[in-house]
Amino acid sequence: MKSTYSKQVVDTWYPDEFTPQFKKLWGSVSVLLAHNFCSPQLLVRHVNLIGNTCDISRASWDLSLMNPASCLKSVPRPLYAKFSQRTYSRLSVDRATTYKPFIYFHSSTFSIENFQLASKRPQPKAVPSSNSAFRDLSSFSSSMAPVATATENGDNPSELEKVAVIGSGNWGSCIARIAGMNAKANPHQFHRKVTMWVNQEQYEGRFLTDIINERHQNPRYLPGIDLGDNVYAEPDIEKAISDATALIVVLPHQFLSGVLKRLAGKVRPDARAVTLIKGIFVHEKEISSFASLIQRELGIPCAALSGANIANEVAADLYSESTLGIPVAEEGSTSSYADLLKRPEVQLWKTLFETPTFRIRVVEDVEGVCLCGALKNVVALAAGFVDGLGWGDNAKAAVMRIGLMEIHDFCLEFFPTTRSPTFLQESCGVADIMTSCMGGRNRKVAMEMVKTGKSFQELETELLNGQKLQGPQTADEVRELLDARGVDKTKYALFDNVWKICYQGMSPKDITKGL
């Protein structure tokens, strides 16, 4: 049943008045105020107490300073609290003439929906504005008990998105960290806990999952980076995805088919997925993106996220962009960017992934985003061969340009719904090629292949700390498809040369042959 609750609230709070004992007592009604400290989370908890399901936008203000007096100077006026049904309530912030900081709320009448009113239970009393109101904290907390059953998140838990990350390597751990941060920051959209499936292994004589859950770090694949205390490592994949509504698929693409078989029939029918895997699936004459494979095998919609994203840099909060690919709303239609941002899947994934240093752009081109992320690894191998040979920047730039055009032509030939701007304007296209050809594991291993004469299989073991190369297998899959369909390989000479160097022992010096 839907119920509506409206009330007036006027209150003045002095942070200096609140002690740790006050914080502990008020934890039962979701008020978290610390002595001499203000933060967005603290204010959210206060409003949550009053309104049950409201959310304050964290994008418009920052109260992270430790000094309350200077803290309040940084707050824009007016602030707005965003409620579940998208109505707004003005928040005013001011300082006393003595500059003793205080926070003054005046929330005009607002409505809260989607919770059950207790039978014949009186409405909460308005918050007294006098400091004397805080002297009898027990009676005050009783008078302010919410009329609805509240959770730590402040919403009905069945309505919150539950996030599961399938994969825990370098990029998987990095994206789990971001998802965990944003799940915490958006408690009215997401469960706080983010579960990360870990393919169990031993590290320093212990199970890796135990180390991750104890230290809140993944020392095996993302050392030195705090994942957050709400990211939980789970070795049982079925437990990891149990009741999950938002599945983030990020594992080496050679393992995806086996994982999907294990998950078939075990995923919630209303779940949504996003793939961060950079690869393609080829079977004889058929080629699929991993987004379409996930959608087919699990029976749920799947978006794609890819871009110029070296995991260690993203994990260190260095600025980067990524591209979110979503399906076209209607065949043949074109949406404005403003309309794209209103799509439910965009509001889910953009909220879960975007941070001030990890920016997300959206395109209606799932296949283009997937294929760019896969094929750029083949180009990165070519760039690594050029670097290993010491041919200089001109040769490397030429290889990058030719590689971009082969990606573009390949995608339009085998996936005619892909869009040229995805390759030429977005992070998943030209930017990812540039980053992968300047850094990244594929370039690194290819360069060492030239310098040492070793195979990529040997160097993968020596250099990558258990991680897998994507470029050689993608080159092999491209070659398999071209053979199966009888395509003239001179159209994709760079791809073909990379395959020959990796699998047939062709000299890296012949990388430009036929270009």
Protein backbone atom coordinates (compact mmCIF):
# COMPACT_ATOMS: atom_id res chain seq x y z
CA MET A 1 0.00 0.00 0.00
CA LYS A 2 1.18 3.52 -0.69
CA SER A 3 0.94 6.07 2.08
CA THR A 4 1.77 9.74 2.09
CA TYR A 5 3.24 11.61 5.01
CA SER A 6 3.68 15.39 5.27
CA LYS A 7 5.08 17.55 8.03
CA GLN A 8 6.82 20.81 8.81
CA VAL A 9 10.31 20.76 10.27
CA VAL A 10 12.25 23.68 11.68
CA ASP A 11 15.48 23.08 13.55
CA THR A 12 18.75 24.71 14.55
CA TRP A 13 21.67 22.45 15.37
CA TYR A 14 25.01 23.39 16.92
CA PRO A 15 27.70 20.83 16.06
CA ASP A 16 29.70 21.81 19.15
CA GLU A 17 26.89 20.47 21.34
CA PHE A 18 27.13 16.89 20.11
CA THR A 19 29.28 14.35 21.88
CA PRO A 20 30.24 10.78 20.98
CA GLN A 21 27.63 9.62 23.49
CA PHE A 22 24.98 11.54 21.58
CA LYS A 23 26.10 9.91 18.35
CA LYS A 24 25.88 6.44 19.87
CA LEU A 25 22.42 7.01 21.32
CA TRP A 26 21.05 8.40 18.09
CA GLY A 27 22.44 5.62 15.91
CA SER A 28 19.16 3.75 16.38
CA VAL A 29 17.26 6.44 14.50
CA SER A 30 19.85 7.02 11.78
CA VAL A 31 21.26 10.30 13.07
CA LEU A 32 25.04 10.45 12.82
CA LEU A 33 26.54 13.73 14.01
CA ALA A 34 30.13 13.96 15.22
CA HIS A 35 31.69 16.53 17.51
CA ASN A 36 32.98 19.53 15.52
CA PHE A 37 32.49 17.84 12.17
CA CYS A 38 30.05 18.27 9.31
CA SER A 39 29.82 16.12 6.20
CA PRO A 40 27.26 15.35 3.51
CA GLN A 41 26.68 11.94 5.04
CA LEU A 42 25.90 13.43 8.44
CA LEU A 43 23.37 15.83 7.03
CA VAL A 44 21.81 13.10 4.95
CA ARG A 45 21.32 11.07 8.10
CA HIS A 46 19.60 14.00 9.80
CA VAL A 47 17.20 14.56 6.94
CA ASN A 48 16.71 10.81 6.66
CA LEU A 49 15.48 10.80 10.27
CA ILE A 50 12.87 13.42 9.44
CA GLY A 51 11.81 12.29 6.01
CA ASN A 52 12.49 8.53 5.86
CA THR A 53 13.37 8.36 2.15
CA CYS A 54 14.97 11.62 1.10
CA ASP A 55 18.36 11.95 -0.50
CA ILE A 56 20.66 14.97 -0.70
CA SER A 57 22.56 15.41 -3.94
CA ARG A 58 26.25 15.12 -3.17
CA ALA A 59 27.20 16.71 -6.46
CA SER A 60 26.37 20.26 -5.47
CA TRP A 61 28.20 20.70 -2.18
CA ASP A 62 31.17 19.60 -0.13
CA LEU A 63 31.31 19.76 3.66
CA SER A 64 34.43 17.67 4.08
CA LEU A 65 36.49 20.30 5.91
CA MET A 66 37.30 19.59 9.53
CA ASN A 67 36.83 23.20 10.65
CA PRO A 68 33.07 23.80 10.95
CA ALA A 69 33.37 27.59 10.63
CA SER A 70 35.18 27.40 7.29
CA CYS A 71 33.11 24.36 6.38
CA LEU A 72 29.88 26.33 6.29
CA LYS A 73 31.42 29.07 4.16
CA SER A 74 31.79 26.55 1.33
CA VAL A 75 28.12 25.57 1.22
CA PRO A 76 26.13 26.98 -1.72
CA ARG A 77 22.81 28.64 -1.02
CA PRO A 78 20.21 27.38 -1.44
CA LEU A 79 20.84 23.68 -1.13
CA TYR A 80 18.21 21.21 -2.19
CA ALA A 81 17.21 17.87 -0.74
CA LYS A 82 16.03 15.44 -3.39
CA PHE A 83 13.18 13.20 -2.40
CA SER A 84 12.14 9.84 -3.77
CA GLN A 85 9.31 11.25 -5.86
CA ARG A 86 11.52 14.08 -7.16
CA THR A 87 10.01 16.94 -5.18
CA TYR A 88 12.38 19.39 -3.59
CA SER A 89 12.80 21.04 -0.23
CA ARG A 90 14.98 24.07 0.34
CA LEU A 91 17.80 23.89 2.84
CA SER A 92 19.23 27.11 4.24
CA VAL A 93 22.69 27.25 5.80
CA ASP A 94 23.94 30.18 7.85
CA ARG A 95 26.32 31.19 10.63
CA ALA A 96 25.73 33.05 13.89
CA THR A 97 27.13 36.56 14.17
CA THR A 98 29.86 35.20 16.44
CA TYR A 99 30.80 32.74 13.64
CA LYS A 100 29.91 29.85 15.90
CA PRO A 101 28.72 27.40 13.26
CA PHE A 102 25.22 26.07 13.18
CA ILE A 103 22.98 24.48 10.61
CA TYR A 104 19.48 25.80 10.18
CA PHE A 105 16.90 23.63 8.44
CA HIS A 106 13.56 24.73 7.17
CA SER A 107 11.91 22.01 5.13
CA SER A 108 8.62 23.12 3.66
CA THR A 109 5.86 20.54 3.45
CA PHE A 110 6.96 17.48 1.55
CA SER A 111 5.54 14.05 0.76
CA ILE A 112 7.15 10.68 1.26
CA GLU A 113 5.67 7.67 -0.53
CA ASN A 114 6.26 3.94 -0.82
CA PHE A 115 6.26 2.93 2.84
CA GLN A 116 3.77 1.36 5.19
CA LEU A 117 2.19 3.50 7.90
CA ALA A 118 1.86 1.72 11.22
CA SER A 119 -1.76 1.24 12.23
CA LYS A 120 -3.11 4.18 14.28
CA ARG A 121 0.40 5.31 15.07
CA PRO A 122 0.75 9.04 15.83
CA GLN A 123 2.81 11.20 13.49
CA PRO A 124 6.25 12.26 14.72
CA LYS A 125 6.48 15.53 16.56
CA ALA A 126 8.29 18.46 15.00
CA VAL A 127 11.91 18.87 16.01
CA PRO A 128 12.20 21.51 18.77
CA SER A 129 14.42 24.43 17.86
CA SER A 130 15.73 24.98 21.36
CA ASN A 131 18.99 23.43 22.53
CA SER A 132 17.15 22.29 25.66
CA ALA A 133 15.41 19.76 23.48
CA PHE A 134 18.57 17.69 23.44
CA ARG A 135 18.80 17.34 27.22
CA ASP A 136 16.35 14.46 27.35
CA LEU A 137 17.66 12.45 24.43
CA SER A 138 15.77 9.28 25.24
CA SER A 139 12.35 10.92 25.04
CA PHE A 140 13.36 12.92 21.99
CA SER A 141 14.56 9.86 20.09
CA SER A 142 11.30 8.12 20.95
CA SER A 143 9.25 11.04 19.69
CA MET A 144 11.18 11.08 16.43
CA ALA A 145 10.99 7.34 15.69
CA PRO A 146 10.04 6.95 12.02
CA VAL A 147 6.46 5.95 11.20
CA ALA A 148 7.82 3.41 8.72
CA THR A 149 10.14 0.50 9.19
CA ALA A 150 13.51 2.03 8.34
CA THR A 151 16.67 0.33 7.24
CA GLU A 152 20.22 1.54 7.39
CA ASN A 153 19.70 2.69 3.80
CA GLY A 154 16.47 4.46 4.64
CA ASP A 155 14.43 2.63 1.99
CA ASN A 156 12.56 -0.60 1.56
CA PRO A 157 15.48 -3.00 0.96
CA SER A 158 13.52 -4.86 -1.71
CA GLU A 159 13.47 -1.70 -3.83
CA LEU A 160 17.23 -1.08 -3.69
CA GLU A 161 19.69 -2.18 -6.35
CA LYS A 162 21.96 -4.96 -5.16
CA VAL A 163 25.35 -4.90 -6.89
CA ALA A 164 27.51 -7.92 -7.71
CA VAL A 165 30.87 -7.75 -9.47
CA ILE A 166 31.78 -10.90 -11.41
CA GLY A 167 35.56 -10.77 -11.49
CA SER A 168 38.29 -9.58 -9.14
CA GLY A 169 41.38 -8.94 -11.19
CA ASN A 170 43.10 -5.60 -11.67
CA TRP A 171 40.18 -3.90 -13.43
CA GLY A 172 37.53 -5.87 -11.55
CA SER A 173 38.90 -4.79 -8.17
CA CYS A 174 39.19 -1.21 -9.38
CA ILE A 175 35.58 -1.06 -10.56
CA ALA A 176 34.36 -2.81 -7.39
CA ARG A 177 35.99 0.00 -5.41
CA ILE A 178 34.16 2.65 -7.46
CA ALA A 179 30.85 0.78 -7.23
CA GLY A 180 31.30 0.46 -3.47
CA MET A 181 31.97 4.17 -3.07
CA ASN A 182 28.91 5.13 -5.09
CA ALA A 183 26.68 2.54 -3.41
CA LYS A 184 27.58 4.16 -0.09
CA ALA A 185 26.98 7.65 -1.45
CA ASN A 186 23.54 6.73 -2.86
CA PRO A 187 21.88 4.77 -0.04
CA HIS A 188 18.38 5.27 -1.45
CA GLN A 189 19.27 3.58 -4.72
CA PHE A 190 21.75 0.86 -3.73
CA HIS A 191 22.36 -1.65 -1.00
CA ARG A 192 25.49 -0.66 0.87
CA LYS A 193 27.20 -4.03 0.40
CA VAL A 194 28.85 -4.73 -2.96
CA THR A 195 29.75 -8.38 -3.48
CA MET A 196 32.78 -9.24 -5.63
CA TRP A 197 33.17 -12.79 -6.89
CA VAL A 198 36.74 -14.04 -6.47
CA ASN A 199 37.97 -17.18 -8.21
CA GLN A 200 39.53 -18.60 -5.06
CA GLU A 201 43.30 -18.90 -4.88
CA GLN A 202 46.06 -18.92 -2.30
CA TYR A 203 48.08 -15.79 -1.59
CA GLU A 204 50.83 -15.73 1.02
CA GLY A 205 49.56 -19.05 2.34
CA ARG A 206 45.97 -17.88 2.85
CA PHE A 207 42.77 -17.72 0.84
CA LEU A 208 42.67 -14.50 -1.17
CA THR A 209 39.05 -13.84 -0.17
CA ASP A 210 40.00 -13.89 3.52
CA ILE A 211 42.78 -11.37 2.92
CA ILE A 212 40.51 -9.05 0.90
CA ASN A 213 37.77 -9.11 3.52
CA GLU A 214 40.24 -8.56 6.35
CA ARG A 215 42.42 -5.84 4.78
CA HIS A 216 39.85 -4.36 2.35
CA GLN A 217 42.51 -4.57 -0.35
CA ASN A 218 43.34 -7.02 -3.13
CA PRO A 219 47.12 -7.39 -2.73
CA ARG A 220 47.27 -9.94 -5.54
CA TYR A 221 45.87 -7.82 -8.35
CA LEU A 222 45.47 -4.25 -7.07
CA PRO A 223 48.02 -3.80 -4.27
CA GLY A 224 48.03 -0.71 -2.09
CA ILE A 225 44.49 0.41 -2.99
CA ASP A 226 41.71 0.46 -0.38
CA LEU A 227 38.56 -1.13 -1.81
CA GLY A 228 36.28 0.10 0.96
CA ASP A 229 34.76 -1.71 3.90
CA ASN A 230 31.54 -2.44 2.00
CA VAL A 231 33.17 -4.47 -0.79
CA TYR A 232 32.91 -8.13 0.18
CA ALA A 233 34.87 -10.91 -1.54
CA GLU A 234 32.87 -14.09 -2.14
CA PRO A 235 34.40 -17.31 -3.57
CA ASP A 236 31.02 -18.93 -4.39
CA ILE A 237 29.74 -17.35 -7.60
CA GLU A 238 26.14 -18.38 -6.99
CA LYS A 239 26.18 -16.72 -3.58
CA ALA A 240 27.86 -13.66 -5.07
CA ILE A 241 25.05 -13.05 -7.56
CA SER A 242 22.20 -14.16 -5.29
CA ASP A 243 19.37 -11.57 -5.52
CA ALA A 244 21.68 -9.16 -7.38
CA THR A 245 19.89 -6.69 -9.66
CA ALA A 246 23.02 -5.02 -11.08
CA LEU A 247 25.65 -7.40 -12.45
CA ILE A 248 29.06 -6.03 -13.42
CA VAL A 249 30.84 -8.59 -15.59
CA VAL A 250 34.60 -7.99 -15.65
CA LEU A 251 36.81 -11.03 -16.08
CA PRO A 252 39.24 -12.33 -18.71
CA HIS A 253 37.18 -13.07 -21.78
CA GLN A 254 38.52 -16.61 -22.17
CA PHE A 255 36.61 -17.54 -18.98
CA LEU A 256 33.28 -15.90 -19.79
CA SER A 257 31.54 -18.82 -21.54
CA GLY A 258 32.16 -21.16 -18.62
CA VAL A 259 30.94 -18.61 -16.09
CA LEU A 260 27.75 -17.92 -18.05
CA LYS A 261 26.93 -21.62 -18.15
CA ARG A 262 27.21 -21.73 -14.35
CA LEU A 263 24.94 -18.72 -13.96
CA ALA A 264 22.25 -19.66 -16.47
CA GLY A 265 18.87 -19.83 -14.72
CA LYS A 266 20.27 -18.48 -11.45
CA VAL A 267 20.07 -14.74 -12.15
CA ARG A 268 17.05 -12.66 -11.19
CA PRO A 269 14.82 -12.04 -14.23
CA ASP A 270 14.65 -8.32 -13.44
CA ALA A 271 18.43 -7.97 -13.17
CA ARG A 272 20.50 -5.83 -15.54
CA ALA A 273 24.10 -6.38 -16.56
CA VAL A 274 27.00 -4.36 -17.88
CA THR A 275 30.11 -5.89 -19.41
CA LEU A 276 33.58 -4.39 -19.00
CA ILE A 277 35.23 -7.26 -20.87
CA LYS A 278 37.35 -6.29 -23.85
CA GLY A 279 37.03 -9.11 -26.35
CA ILE A 280 34.81 -10.80 -28.95
CA PHE A 281 33.18 -14.21 -29.20
CA VAL A 282 33.74 -16.11 -32.45
CA HIS A 283 32.32 -19.51 -33.35
CA GLU A 284 32.98 -20.61 -36.90
CA LYS A 285 31.30 -17.96 -39.09
CA GLU A 286 29.47 -16.25 -36.24
CA ILE A 287 30.81 -13.31 -34.25
CA SER A 288 29.18 -11.78 -31.18
CA SER A 289 29.99 -9.05 -28.73
CA PHE A 290 30.13 -10.14 -25.12
CA ALA A 291 27.16 -7.92 -24.32
CA SER A 292 24.97 -9.86 -26.74
CA LEU A 293 26.38 -13.16 -25.46
CA ILE A 294 25.56 -12.24 -21.84
CA GLN A 295 22.10 -11.09 -22.85
CA ARG A 296 21.44 -14.31 -24.74
CA GLU A 297 22.78 -16.69 -22.08
CA LEU A 298 21.34 -14.98 -19.00
CA GLY A 299 18.17 -13.54 -20.50
CA ILE A 300 18.75 -10.03 -19.13
CA PRO A 301 19.63 -6.72 -20.86
CA CYS A 302 23.33 -5.90 -21.01
CA ALA A 303 25.11 -2.59 -21.54
CA ALA A 304 28.85 -2.09 -22.10
CA LEU A 305 31.47 0.12 -20.46
CA SER A 306 34.85 0.67 -22.07
CA GLY A 307 37.37 3.43 -22.50
CA ALA A 308 40.90 4.66 -22.04
CA ASN A 309 41.04 3.19 -18.56
CA ILE A 310 44.31 1.81 -17.22
CA ALA A 311 43.11 0.30 -13.97
CA ASN A 312 45.94 1.45 -11.70
CA GLU A 313 45.43 5.06 -12.77
CA VAL A 314 41.65 4.90 -12.30
CA ALA A 315 42.13 3.28 -8.88
CA ALA A 316 44.47 6.13 -7.90
CA ASP A 317 41.68 8.60 -8.78
CA LEU A 318 43.60 10.10 -11.68
CA TYR A 319 41.28 11.72 -14.21
CA SER A 320 39.92 9.53 -17.01
CA GLU A 321 36.85 9.01 -19.18
CA SER A 322 34.87 5.94 -20.15
CA THR A 323 32.03 5.23 -22.57
CA LEU A 324 28.77 3.57 -21.60
CA GLY A 325 27.07 1.85 -24.53
CA ILE A 326 23.33 1.20 -24.28
CA PRO A 327 20.87 -0.27 -26.79
CA VAL A 328 19.04 1.96 -29.25
CA ALA A 329 15.63 2.87 -27.83
CA GLU A 330 13.87 2.33 -31.15
CA GLU A 331 15.24 0.98 -34.40
CA GLY A 332 16.29 3.85 -36.64
CA SER A 333 15.75 6.50 -33.96
CA THR A 334 18.30 8.98 -32.67
CA SER A 335 18.07 10.37 -29.15
CA SER A 336 19.49 13.65 -27.91
CA TYR A 337 22.15 13.37 -25.22
CA ALA A 338 19.75 14.87 -22.68
CA ASP A 339 17.22 12.15 -23.51
CA LEU A 340 19.88 9.45 -23.15
CA LEU A 341 20.63 10.58 -19.60
CA LYS A 342 16.98 9.99 -18.66
CA ARG A 343 17.03 6.34 -19.66
CA PRO A 344 16.68 3.98 -16.63
CA GLU A 345 19.78 1.94 -17.51
CA VAL A 346 21.84 5.13 -17.80
CA GLN A 347 20.64 6.36 -14.42
CA LEU A 348 21.63 3.01 -12.94
CA TRP A 349 25.10 2.59 -14.45
CA LYS A 350 26.14 6.24 -14.58
CA THR A 351 25.26 6.66 -10.90
CA LEU A 352 27.13 3.49 -10.01
CA PHE A 353 30.31 4.29 -11.96
CA GLU A 354 30.79 8.03 -12.32
CA THR A 355 33.02 9.96 -9.93
CA PRO A 356 34.63 13.40 -10.17
CA THR A 357 37.72 11.74 -11.68
CA PHE A 358 36.03 8.93 -13.65
CA ARG A 359 33.67 10.54 -16.10
CA ILE A 360 31.08 8.60 -18.09
CA ARG A 361 29.77 9.50 -21.54
CA VAL A 362 26.82 7.63 -23.03
CA VAL A 363 26.23 6.37 -26.58
CA GLU A 364 23.47 4.26 -28.13
CA ASP A 365 25.95 1.73 -29.48
CA VAL A 366 26.57 -1.33 -27.33
CA GLU A 367 28.29 -3.26 -30.10
CA GLY A 368 30.60 -0.39 -31.02
CA VAL A 369 31.73 0.07 -27.43
CA CYS A 370 32.38 -3.69 -27.04
CA LEU A 371 34.27 -4.06 -30.30
CA CYS A 372 36.47 -1.01 -29.81
CA GLY A 373 37.54 -2.37 -26.45
CA ALA A 374 38.39 -5.74 -27.97
CA LEU A 375 40.17 -4.79 -31.19
CA LYS A 376 42.29 -2.01 -29.76
CA ASN A 377 44.30 -4.69 -27.93
CA VAL A 378 45.44 -6.06 -31.28
CA VAL A 379 46.59 -2.56 -32.29
CA ALA A 380 48.39 -2.20 -28.95
CA LEU A 381 50.41 -5.32 -29.73
CA ALA A 382 51.47 -3.76 -33.04
CA ALA A 383 52.49 -0.58 -31.24
CA GLY A 384 54.52 -2.62 -28.78
CA PHE A 385 56.37 -4.35 -31.62
CA VAL A 386 57.23 -0.92 -33.08
CA ASP A 387 58.49 0.30 -29.69
CA GLY A 388 60.55 -2.83 -29.21
CA LEU A 389 62.14 -2.31 -32.62
CA GLY A 390 62.93 1.32 -31.75
CA TRP A 391 61.29 2.65 -34.89
CA GLY A 392 60.22 5.92 -33.28
CA ASP A 393 57.08 7.96 -32.92
CA ASN A 394 56.29 8.40 -36.62
CA ALA A 395 56.03 4.66 -37.20
CA LYS A 396 53.99 4.20 -34.05
CA ALA A 397 51.56 6.96 -35.06
CA ALA A 398 51.14 5.34 -38.48
CA VAL A 399 50.37 1.96 -36.91
CA MET A 400 47.85 3.58 -34.56
CA ARG A 401 46.08 5.35 -37.45
CA ILE A 402 45.94 2.22 -39.59
CA GLY A 403 44.74 0.23 -36.60
CA LEU A 404 41.92 2.69 -35.93
CA MET A 405 40.74 2.48 -39.53
CA GLU A 406 40.85 -1.34 -39.51
CA ILE A 407 38.76 -1.36 -36.31
CA HIS A 408 36.29 1.03 -37.92
CA ASP A 409 36.01 -0.99 -41.14
CA PHE A 410 35.83 -4.35 -39.35
CA CYS A 411 33.00 -3.22 -37.09
CA LEU A 412 30.94 -1.71 -39.90
CA GLU A 413 31.42 -4.82 -42.04
CA PHE A 414 30.37 -7.35 -39.40
CA PHE A 415 28.18 -5.14 -37.18
CA PRO A 416 26.49 -2.65 -39.52
CA THR A 417 24.49 -1.05 -36.70
CA THR A 418 27.65 0.36 -35.11
CA ARG A 419 28.18 4.11 -35.46
CA SER A 420 31.27 5.89 -36.75
CA PRO A 421 31.29 8.58 -34.00
CA THR A 422 31.81 5.81 -31.42
CA PHE A 423 35.25 5.13 -32.93
CA LEU A 424 36.27 8.68 -33.73
CA GLN A 425 34.79 10.74 -30.88
CA GLU A 426 34.52 8.59 -27.76
CA SER A 427 36.89 7.33 -25.09
CA CYS A 428 36.22 3.71 -26.06
CA GLY A 429 37.52 4.41 -29.57
CA VAL A 430 40.40 6.69 -30.46
CA ALA A 431 41.27 7.53 -26.84
CA ASP A 432 41.52 3.87 -25.80
CA ILE A 433 43.76 3.14 -28.77
CA MET A 434 46.09 5.98 -27.78
CA THR A 435 46.27 4.88 -24.14
CA SER A 436 46.77 1.21 -24.97
CA CYS A 437 49.50 2.00 -27.47
CA MET A 438 51.35 4.22 -25.00
CA GLY A 439 50.93 1.96 -21.95
CA GLY A 440 49.06 -1.14 -20.89
CA ARG A 441 49.94 -4.81 -20.72
CA ASN A 442 49.56 -5.69 -24.44
CA ARG A 443 52.07 -3.07 -25.54
CA LYS A 444 54.40 -4.01 -22.69
CA VAL A 445 54.46 -7.72 -23.55
CA ALA A 446 54.79 -7.09 -27.30
CA MET A 447 57.78 -4.82 -26.71
CA GLU A 448 59.43 -7.50 -24.56
CA MET A 449 58.73 -10.12 -27.22
CA VAL A 450 60.97 -8.14 -29.57
CA LYS A 451 63.67 -7.48 -26.99
CA THR A 452 63.86 -10.98 -25.51
CA GLY A 453 62.72 -13.26 -28.34
CA LYS A 454 60.30 -14.97 -25.93
CA SER A 455 56.71 -15.90 -26.75
CA PHE A 456 53.78 -13.95 -25.38
CA GLN A 457 52.79 -17.02 -23.31
CA GLU A 458 56.13 -17.00 -21.50
CA LEU A 459 56.07 -13.25 -20.91
CA GLU A 460 52.45 -13.33 -19.73
CA THR A 461 53.57 -15.62 -16.91
CA GLU A 462 56.70 -13.61 -16.11
CA LEU A 463 55.36 -10.08 -16.29
CA LEU A 464 51.64 -9.98 -15.57
CA ASN A 465 51.31 -11.36 -12.04
CA GLY A 466 48.61 -13.83 -13.04
CA GLN A 467 46.73 -11.50 -15.37
CA LYS A 468 45.86 -12.52 -18.94
CA LEU A 469 46.62 -10.84 -22.25
CA GLN A 470 43.59 -10.08 -24.37
CA GLY A 471 45.31 -9.03 -27.62
CA PRO A 472 46.68 -12.39 -28.89
CA GLN A 473 43.42 -14.27 -28.37
CA THR A 474 41.42 -11.47 -30.03
CA ALA A 475 43.81 -11.57 -33.01
CA ASP A 476 43.28 -15.33 -33.21
CA GLU A 477 39.49 -14.94 -33.10
CA VAL A 478 39.58 -12.29 -35.84
CA ARG A 479 41.70 -14.59 -37.99
CA GLU A 480 39.27 -17.49 -37.39
CA LEU A 481 36.35 -15.34 -38.51
CA LEU A 482 38.11 -14.05 -41.63
CA ASP A 483 39.05 -17.60 -42.59
CA ALA A 484 35.54 -18.93 -41.99
CA ARG A 485 33.94 -16.24 -44.12
CA GLY A 486 36.59 -16.17 -46.80
CA VAL A 487 37.33 -12.48 -46.31
CA ASP A 488 40.32 -10.98 -48.16
CA LYS A 489 42.85 -10.57 -45.35
CA THR A 490 44.63 -7.72 -47.10
CA LYS A 491 41.70 -5.56 -45.96
CA TYR A 492 42.91 -6.12 -42.39
CA ALA A 493 46.65 -6.43 -42.96
CA LEU A 494 47.69 -5.06 -39.56
CA PHE A 495 45.42 -7.49 -37.68
CA ASP A 496 46.75 -10.35 -39.81
CA ASN A 497 50.39 -9.42 -39.25
CA VAL A 498 49.90 -9.33 -35.49
CA TRP A 499 48.37 -12.82 -35.63
CA LYS A 500 51.29 -14.14 -37.69
CA ILE A 501 53.85 -12.72 -35.25
CA CYS A 502 52.04 -14.19 -32.23
CA TYR A 503 51.20 -17.61 -33.65
CA GLN A 504 53.36 -18.32 -36.71
CA GLY A 505 56.72 -16.91 -35.68
CA MET A 506 56.80 -14.11 -38.24
CA SER A 507 59.46 -11.52 -37.44
CA PRO A 508 58.16 -8.37 -35.73
CA LYS A 509 60.18 -6.45 -38.36
CA ASP A 510 57.49 -7.45 -40.86
CA ILE A 511 54.71 -5.74 -38.89
CA THR A 512 54.25 -3.13 -41.63
CA LYS A 513 54.20 -5.65 -44.48
CA GLY A 514 51.26 -5.01 -46.80
CA LEU A 515 50.03 -1.90 -44.96
